[in-house]
């Protein structure tokens, strides 16, 4: 039977730490070049454009159903406004959870490391994203759509007891689904310019967050 010596464990651990610092350094450099202030980047004073969607119609829940075919174009556009607000509300809820998971992740790690510095950078990104989503919901005039109370309270448990691999796996699951939808949204000229701008900012910055989560999950699973 093959055994792993203490020196091999130490060597592997140091290699993972160096890799962690190198990844974080690259992500920090990317953040310095490609970060956005939504308050300044987007034209919040411009009115919404007549006849444009708030979300691509193909991504709406009722698309191409019998009910959809009975709806007028105005009703379909109104549905897109409400579903965009619902997704924005879900995004805020998810990102608040993510920020707390990140704080837990770095709590015991060296505060001067690139890894911790990037986590704090990501938290700042997520703060801006949450404020951006809230602002676009408010501008659209639709209500917020909080998750059901059961899920809201179950998330309290998740962000308190979740292991690090569990936290990053959940992050990738949520981020990659929304990322797929947004990559279909921001280049779609049928969609409101403000919504396209919101999704463009989110896609660019979330690409770094997904890389951070994927690399950290890979490291965590080496010895799991």
C-alpha atoms as a PDB file:
ATOM      1  CA  UNK A   1       0.000   0.000   0.000  1.00  0.00           C
ATOM      2  CA  UNK A   2       1.322   3.443  -0.943  1.00  0.00           C
ATOM      3  CA  UNK A   3       1.539   5.973   1.902  1.00  0.00           C
ATOM      4  CA  UNK A   4       1.848   9.723   1.685  1.00  0.00           C
ATOM      5  CA  UNK A   5       4.657  11.187   3.780  1.00  0.00           C
ATOM      6  CA  UNK A   6       4.409  14.422   5.755  1.00  0.00           C
ATOM      7  CA  UNK A   7       6.966  16.042   3.443  1.00  0.00           C
ATOM      8  CA  UNK A   8       4.858  15.170   0.391  1.00  0.00           C
ATOM      9  CA  UNK A   9       1.749  16.639   2.016  1.00  0.00           C
ATOM     10  CA  UNK A  10       3.693  19.795   2.890  1.00  0.00           C
ATOM     11  CA  UNK A  11       5.110  20.076  -0.651  1.00  0.00           C
ATOM     12  CA  UNK A  12       1.665  19.653  -2.184  1.00  0.00           C
ATOM     13  CA  UNK A  13       0.169  22.178   0.231  1.00  0.00           C
ATOM     14  CA  UNK A  14       2.812  24.777  -0.579  1.00  0.00           C
ATOM     15  CA  UNK A  15       2.272  24.201  -4.297  1.00  0.00           C
ATOM     16  CA  UNK A  16      -1.451  24.788  -3.902  1.00  0.00           C
ATOM     17  CA  UNK A  17      -0.824  27.958  -1.909  1.00  0.00           C
ATOM     18  CA  UNK A  18       1.525  29.325  -4.574  1.00  0.00           C
ATOM     19  CA  UNK A  19      -1.048  28.494  -7.222  1.00  0.00           C
ATOM     20  CA  UNK A  20      -3.741  30.226  -5.168  1.00  0.00           C
ATOM     21  CA  UNK A  21      -1.643  33.371  -4.914  1.00  0.00           C
ATOM     22  CA  UNK A  22      -0.811  33.337  -8.632  1.00  0.00           C
ATOM     23  CA  UNK A  23      -4.460  32.975  -9.632  1.00  0.00           C
ATOM     24  CA  UNK A  24      -5.469  35.766  -7.260  1.00  0.00           C
ATOM     25  CA  UNK A  25      -2.725  38.038  -8.624  1.00  0.00           C
ATOM     26  CA  UNK A  26      -4.011  37.567 -12.184  1.00  0.00           C
ATOM     27  CA  UNK A  27      -7.590  38.183 -11.092  1.00  0.00           C
ATOM     28  CA  UNK A  28      -6.566  41.359  -9.271  1.00  0.00           C
ATOM     29  CA  UNK A  29      -4.844  42.627 -12.414  1.00  0.00           C
ATOM     30  CA  UNK A  30      -7.968  41.894 -14.451  1.00  0.00           C
ATOM     31  CA  UNK A  31     -10.122  43.680 -11.865  1.00  0.00           C
ATOM     32  CA  UNK A  32      -7.938  46.764 -12.116  1.00  0.00           C
ATOM     33  CA  UNK A  33      -8.502  46.885 -15.889  1.00  0.00           C
ATOM     34  CA  UNK A  34     -12.093  45.722 -16.212  1.00  0.00           C
ATOM     35  CA  UNK A  35     -14.178  46.901 -13.259  1.00  0.00           C
ATOM     36  CA  UNK A  36     -17.176  49.187 -13.601  1.00  0.00           C
ATOM     37  CA  UNK A  37     -19.125  51.694 -11.552  1.00  0.00           C
ATOM     38  CA  UNK A  38     -22.743  51.158 -12.688  1.00  0.00           C
ATOM     39  CA  UNK A  39     -23.787  54.570 -11.397  1.00  0.00           C
ATOM     40  CA  UNK A  40     -21.393  56.191 -13.868  1.00  0.00           C
ATOM     41  CA  UNK A  41     -21.274  53.606 -16.673  1.00  0.00           C
ATOM     42  CA  UNK A  42     -25.027  53.407 -17.308  1.00  0.00           C
ATOM     43  CA  UNK A  43     -27.468  56.123 -18.389  1.00  0.00           C
ATOM     44  CA  UNK A  44     -30.034  55.901 -15.619  1.00  0.00           C
ATOM     45  CA  UNK A  45     -31.864  59.054 -16.744  1.00  0.00           C
ATOM     46  CA  UNK A  46     -32.710  57.781 -20.224  1.00  0.00           C
ATOM     47  CA  UNK A  47     -36.316  56.570 -20.580  1.00  0.00           C
ATOM     48  CA  UNK A  48     -37.052  52.982 -21.451  1.00  0.00           C
ATOM     49  CA  UNK A  49     -37.455  52.386 -25.185  1.00  0.00           C
ATOM     50  CA  UNK A  50     -40.916  51.628 -26.573  1.00  0.00           C
ATOM     51  CA  UNK A  51     -41.415  48.140 -27.915  1.00  0.00           C
ATOM     52  CA  UNK A  52     -38.252  46.669 -26.422  1.00  0.00           C
ATOM     53  CA  UNK A  53     -37.992  43.711 -24.089  1.00  0.00           C
ATOM     54  CA  UNK A  54     -36.625  43.693 -20.556  1.00  0.00           C
ATOM     55  CA  UNK A  55     -35.440  40.114 -21.063  1.00  0.00           C
ATOM     56  CA  UNK A  56     -35.141  38.066 -24.262  1.00  0.00           C
ATOM     57  CA  UNK A  57     -38.560  36.561 -25.004  1.00  0.00           C
ATOM     58  CA  UNK A  58     -37.109  33.073 -25.520  1.00  0.00           C
ATOM     59  CA  UNK A  59     -35.978  33.065 -21.866  1.00  0.00           C
ATOM     60  CA  UNK A  60     -39.393  33.980 -20.434  1.00  0.00           C
ATOM     61  CA  UNK A  61     -41.346  31.341 -18.539  1.00  0.00           C
ATOM     62  CA  UNK A  62     -44.420  31.414 -20.794  1.00  0.00           C
ATOM     63  CA  UNK A  63     -42.619  31.656 -24.118  1.00  0.00           C
ATOM     64  CA  UNK A  64     -44.303  29.659 -26.891  1.00  0.00           C
ATOM     65  CA  UNK A  65     -46.955  28.195 -24.585  1.00  0.00           C
ATOM     66  CA  UNK A  66     -50.696  28.332 -25.414  1.00  0.00           C
ATOM     67  CA  UNK A  67     -51.042  31.230 -22.965  1.00  0.00           C
ATOM     68  CA  UNK A  68     -48.178  33.083 -24.669  1.00  0.00           C
ATOM     69  CA  UNK A  69     -49.896  32.765 -28.020  1.00  0.00           C
ATOM     70  CA  UNK A  70     -53.054  34.323 -26.576  1.00  0.00           C
ATOM     71  CA  UNK A  71     -51.190  37.293 -25.082  1.00  0.00           C
ATOM     72  CA  UNK A  72     -50.878  40.639 -26.801  1.00  0.00           C
ATOM     73  CA  UNK A  73     -47.433  42.060 -27.545  1.00  0.00           C
ATOM     74  CA  UNK A  74     -47.876  44.610 -24.745  1.00  0.00           C
ATOM     75  CA  UNK A  75     -48.676  41.822 -22.285  1.00  0.00           C
ATOM     76  CA  UNK A  76     -45.589  39.902 -23.353  1.00  0.00           C
ATOM     77  CA  UNK A  77     -43.415  42.978 -22.886  1.00  0.00           C
ATOM     78  CA  UNK A  78     -44.972  43.543 -19.462  1.00  0.00           C
ATOM     79  CA  UNK A  79     -44.230  39.943 -18.519  1.00  0.00           C
ATOM     80  CA  UNK A  80     -40.597  40.492 -19.487  1.00  0.00           C
ATOM     81  CA  UNK A  81     -40.435  43.520 -17.185  1.00  0.00           C
ATOM     82  CA  UNK A  82     -41.716  41.529 -14.221  1.00  0.00           C
ATOM     83  CA  UNK A  83     -39.544  38.497 -14.893  1.00  0.00           C
ATOM     84  CA  UNK A  84     -36.467  40.715 -15.198  1.00  0.00           C
ATOM     85  CA  UNK A  85     -37.353  42.183 -11.789  1.00  0.00           C
ATOM     86  CA  UNK A  86     -37.821  38.685 -10.391  1.00  0.00           C
ATOM     87  CA  UNK A  87     -34.387  37.609 -11.641  1.00  0.00           C
ATOM     88  CA  UNK A  88     -32.860  40.806 -10.260  1.00  0.00           C
ATOM     89  CA  UNK A  89     -34.418  40.122  -6.851  1.00  0.00           C
ATOM     90  CA  UNK A  90     -33.108  36.558  -6.943  1.00  0.00           C
ATOM     91  CA  UNK A  91     -29.675  37.869  -7.909  1.00  0.00           C
ATOM     92  CA  UNK A  92     -29.551  40.217  -4.917  1.00  0.00           C
ATOM     93  CA  UNK A  93     -30.550  37.414  -2.544  1.00  0.00           C
ATOM     94  CA  UNK A  94     -27.938  35.087  -4.015  1.00  0.00           C
ATOM     95  CA  UNK A  95     -25.163  37.674  -3.931  1.00  0.00           C
ATOM     96  CA  UNK A  96     -25.829  38.619  -0.311  1.00  0.00           C
ATOM     97  CA  UNK A  97     -25.419  34.927   0.553  1.00  0.00           C
ATOM     98  CA  UNK A  98     -22.249  34.736  -1.542  1.00  0.00           C
ATOM     99  CA  UNK A  99     -20.719  37.757   0.186  1.00  0.00           C
ATOM    100  CA  UNK A 100     -21.244  36.121   3.580  1.00  0.00           C
ATOM    101  CA  UNK A 101     -19.743  32.846   2.363  1.00  0.00           C
ATOM    102  CA  UNK A 102     -16.689  34.707   1.077  1.00  0.00           C
ATOM    103  CA  UNK A 103     -16.222  36.472   4.399  1.00  0.00           C
ATOM    104  CA  UNK A 104     -16.359  33.104   6.168  1.00  0.00           C
ATOM    105  CA  UNK A 105     -13.870  31.665   3.657  1.00  0.00           C
ATOM    106  CA  UNK A 106     -11.205  34.303   4.307  1.00  0.00           C
ATOM    107  CA  UNK A 107     -11.775  34.763   8.036  1.00  0.00           C
ATOM    108  CA  UNK A 108      -8.788  32.608   9.064  1.00  0.00           C
ATOM    109  CA  UNK A 109      -6.561  33.263   6.063  1.00  0.00           C
ATOM    110  CA  UNK A 110      -3.566  35.661   5.897  1.00  0.00           C
ATOM    111  CA  UNK A 111      -5.035  39.138   5.529  1.00  0.00           C
ATOM    112  CA  UNK A 112      -2.173  40.406   3.360  1.00  0.00           C
ATOM    113  CA  UNK A 113      -2.397  37.566   0.824  1.00  0.00           C
ATOM    114  CA  UNK A 114      -3.503  38.116  -2.757  1.00  0.00           C
ATOM    115  CA  UNK A 115      -6.177  35.473  -2.191  1.00  0.00           C
ATOM    116  CA  UNK A 116      -7.832  37.467   0.583  1.00  0.00           C
ATOM    117  CA  UNK A 117      -7.344  40.734  -1.266  1.00  0.00           C
ATOM    118  CA  UNK A 118      -9.140  39.343  -4.297  1.00  0.00           C
ATOM    119  CA  UNK A 119     -11.975  37.969  -2.153  1.00  0.00           C
ATOM    120  CA  UNK A 120     -12.482  41.476  -0.762  1.00  0.00           C
ATOM    121  CA  UNK A 121     -12.394  42.832  -4.322  1.00  0.00           C
ATOM    122  CA  UNK A 122     -15.080  40.337  -5.308  1.00  0.00           C
ATOM    123  CA  UNK A 123     -17.203  41.324  -2.323  1.00  0.00           C
ATOM    124  CA  UNK A 124     -16.964  44.958  -3.462  1.00  0.00           C
ATOM    125  CA  UNK A 125     -18.050  43.848  -6.963  1.00  0.00           C
ATOM    126  CA  UNK A 126     -21.028  41.995  -5.512  1.00  0.00           C
ATOM    127  CA  UNK A 127     -22.038  45.045  -3.468  1.00  0.00           C
ATOM    128  CA  UNK A 128     -22.132  47.116  -6.658  1.00  0.00           C
ATOM    129  CA  UNK A 129     -24.045  44.394  -8.500  1.00  0.00           C
ATOM    130  CA  UNK A 130     -26.692  44.195  -5.784  1.00  0.00           C
ATOM    131  CA  UNK A 131     -27.157  47.970  -5.795  1.00  0.00           C
ATOM    132  CA  UNK A 132     -27.300  47.937  -9.603  1.00  0.00           C
ATOM    133  CA  UNK A 133     -29.999  45.258  -9.641  1.00  0.00           C
ATOM    134  CA  UNK A 134     -32.013  47.105  -7.003  1.00  0.00           C
ATOM    135  CA  UNK A 135     -31.782  50.341  -8.972  1.00  0.00           C
ATOM    136  CA  UNK A 136     -32.929  48.783 -12.240  1.00  0.00           C
ATOM    137  CA  UNK A 137     -35.872  47.088 -10.473  1.00  0.00           C
ATOM    138  CA  UNK A 138     -36.903  50.414  -8.963  1.00  0.00           C
ATOM    139  CA  UNK A 139     -36.538  52.241 -12.279  1.00  0.00           C
ATOM    140  CA  UNK A 140     -38.668  49.603 -14.015  1.00  0.00           C
ATOM    141  CA  UNK A 141     -41.498  50.241 -11.586  1.00  0.00           C
ATOM    142  CA  UNK A 142     -42.177  46.579 -10.875  1.00  0.00           C
ATOM    143  CA  UNK A 143     -42.299  45.077  -7.381  1.00  0.00           C
ATOM    144  CA  UNK A 144     -39.477  43.081  -5.882  1.00  0.00           C
ATOM    145  CA  UNK A 145     -39.953  39.326  -5.845  1.00  0.00           C
ATOM    146  CA  UNK A 146     -38.333  37.821  -2.736  1.00  0.00           C
ATOM    147  CA  UNK A 147     -37.749  34.092  -2.560  1.00  0.00           C
ATOM    148  CA  UNK A 148     -40.288  32.102  -0.484  1.00  0.00           C
ATOM    149  CA  UNK A 149     -39.818  32.409   3.260  1.00  0.00           C
ATOM    150  CA  UNK A 150     -38.759  28.742   3.545  1.00  0.00           C
ATOM    151  CA  UNK A 151     -35.839  29.222   1.137  1.00  0.00           C
ATOM    152  CA  UNK A 152     -34.959  32.539   2.732  1.00  0.00           C
ATOM    153  CA  UNK A 153     -34.580  30.824   6.102  1.00  0.00           C
ATOM    154  CA  UNK A 154     -32.857  27.718   4.720  1.00  0.00           C
ATOM    155  CA  UNK A 155     -30.210  30.061   3.308  1.00  0.00           C
ATOM    156  CA  UNK A 156     -29.478  31.208   6.864  1.00  0.00           C
ATOM    157  CA  UNK A 157     -28.468  27.630   7.621  1.00  0.00           C
ATOM    158  CA  UNK A 158     -26.448  27.287   4.402  1.00  0.00           C
ATOM    159  CA  UNK A 159     -24.328  30.366   4.999  1.00  0.00           C
ATOM    160  CA  UNK A 160     -23.717  29.307   8.614  1.00  0.00           C
ATOM    161  CA  UNK A 161     -22.764  25.640   8.237  1.00  0.00           C
ATOM    162  CA  UNK A 162     -21.734  25.203   4.583  1.00  0.00           C
ATOM    163  CA  UNK A 163     -18.273  23.732   4.031  1.00  0.00           C
ATOM    164  CA  UNK A 164     -15.879  25.559   1.739  1.00  0.00           C
ATOM    165  CA  UNK A 165     -16.283  23.033  -1.131  1.00  0.00           C
ATOM    166  CA  UNK A 166     -20.049  23.215  -0.679  1.00  0.00           C
ATOM    167  CA  UNK A 167     -19.983  27.009  -0.755  1.00  0.00           C
ATOM    168  CA  UNK A 168     -17.973  27.207  -3.958  1.00  0.00           C
ATOM    169  CA  UNK A 169     -19.983  24.439  -5.642  1.00  0.00           C
ATOM    170  CA  UNK A 170     -23.196  26.346  -4.873  1.00  0.00           C
ATOM    171  CA  UNK A 171     -21.584  29.536  -6.157  1.00  0.00           C
ATOM    172  CA  UNK A 172     -20.690  27.915  -9.473  1.00  0.00           C
ATOM    173  CA  UNK A 173     -24.157  26.427  -9.843  1.00  0.00           C
ATOM    174  CA  UNK A 174     -25.911  29.764  -9.354  1.00  0.00           C
ATOM    175  CA  UNK A 175     -23.425  31.932 -11.222  1.00  0.00           C
ATOM    176  CA  UNK A 176     -23.091  29.772 -14.325  1.00  0.00           C
ATOM    177  CA  UNK A 177     -26.848  29.478 -14.913  1.00  0.00           C
ATOM    178  CA  UNK A 178     -27.369  33.227 -14.647  1.00  0.00           C
ATOM    179  CA  UNK A 179     -24.228  33.840 -16.688  1.00  0.00           C
ATOM    180  CA  UNK A 180     -25.595  31.713 -19.543  1.00  0.00           C
ATOM    181  CA  UNK A 181     -28.823  33.720 -19.585  1.00  0.00           C
ATOM    182  CA  UNK A 182     -27.036  37.054 -19.454  1.00  0.00           C
ATOM    183  CA  UNK A 183     -24.671  36.167 -22.294  1.00  0.00           C
ATOM    184  CA  UNK A 184     -27.773  35.786 -24.440  1.00  0.00           C
ATOM    185  CA  UNK A 185     -29.154  39.105 -23.193  1.00  0.00           C
ATOM    186  CA  UNK A 186     -26.466  41.781 -23.470  1.00  0.00           C
ATOM    187  CA  UNK A 187     -25.832  41.437 -27.247  1.00  0.00           C
ATOM    188  CA  UNK A 188     -29.587  41.227 -28.041  1.00  0.00           C
ATOM    189  CA  UNK A 189     -30.663  44.509 -29.638  1.00  0.00           C
ATOM    190  CA  UNK A 190     -34.327  43.698 -28.986  1.00  0.00           C
ATOM    191  CA  UNK A 191     -33.655  44.248 -25.271  1.00  0.00           C
ATOM    192  CA  UNK A 192     -33.731  47.593 -23.443  1.00  0.00           C
ATOM    193  CA  UNK A 193     -30.359  49.358 -23.552  1.00  0.00           C
ATOM    194  CA  UNK A 194     -30.237  49.680 -19.766  1.00  0.00           C
ATOM    195  CA  UNK A 195     -30.831  45.953 -19.290  1.00  0.00           C
ATOM    196  CA  UNK A 196     -28.138  45.146 -21.829  1.00  0.00           C
ATOM    197  CA  UNK A 197     -25.714  47.420 -19.986  1.00  0.00           C
ATOM    198  CA  UNK A 198     -26.543  45.814 -16.636  1.00  0.00           C
ATOM    199  CA  UNK A 199     -26.004  42.296 -17.961  1.00  0.00           C
ATOM    200  CA  UNK A 200     -22.799  43.268 -19.782  1.00  0.00           C
ATOM    201  CA  UNK A 201     -21.235  44.612 -16.590  1.00  0.00           C
ATOM    202  CA  UNK A 202     -22.346  41.567 -14.664  1.00  0.00           C
ATOM    203  CA  UNK A 203     -21.008  39.081 -17.233  1.00  0.00           C
ATOM    204  CA  UNK A 204     -17.577  40.734 -17.399  1.00  0.00           C
ATOM    205  CA  UNK A 205     -17.092  40.907 -13.646  1.00  0.00           C
ATOM    206  CA  UNK A 206     -18.683  37.542 -12.856  1.00  0.00           C
ATOM    207  CA  UNK A 207     -16.254  35.789 -15.210  1.00  0.00           C
ATOM    208  CA  UNK A 208     -13.538  36.545 -12.639  1.00  0.00           C
ATOM    209  CA  UNK A 209     -15.731  35.359  -9.775  1.00  0.00           C
ATOM    210  CA  UNK A 210     -16.436  32.053 -11.524  1.00  0.00           C
ATOM    211  CA  UNK A 211     -12.702  31.544 -12.130  1.00  0.00           C
ATOM    212  CA  UNK A 212     -11.930  32.253  -8.461  1.00  0.00           C
ATOM    213  CA  UNK A 213     -14.608  29.794  -7.284  1.00  0.00           C
ATOM    214  CA  UNK A 214     -13.645  27.078  -9.776  1.00  0.00           C
ATOM    215  CA  UNK A 215      -9.940  27.249  -8.916  1.00  0.00           C
ATOM    216  CA  UNK A 216     -10.577  27.271  -5.178  1.00  0.00           C
ATOM    217  CA  UNK A 217     -12.990  24.343  -5.454  1.00  0.00           C
ATOM    218  CA  UNK A 218     -10.336  22.414  -7.397  1.00  0.00           C
ATOM    219  CA  UNK A 219      -7.799  23.041  -4.632  1.00  0.00           C
ATOM    220  CA  UNK A 220     -10.245  22.129  -1.871  1.00  0.00           C
ATOM    221  CA  UNK A 221     -11.137  18.817  -3.519  1.00  0.00           C
ATOM    222  CA  UNK A 222      -7.529  17.607  -3.939  1.00  0.00           C
ATOM    223  CA  UNK A 223      -7.475  16.136  -0.433  1.00  0.00           C
ATOM    224  CA  UNK A 224     -11.227  15.736   0.137  1.00  0.00           C
END
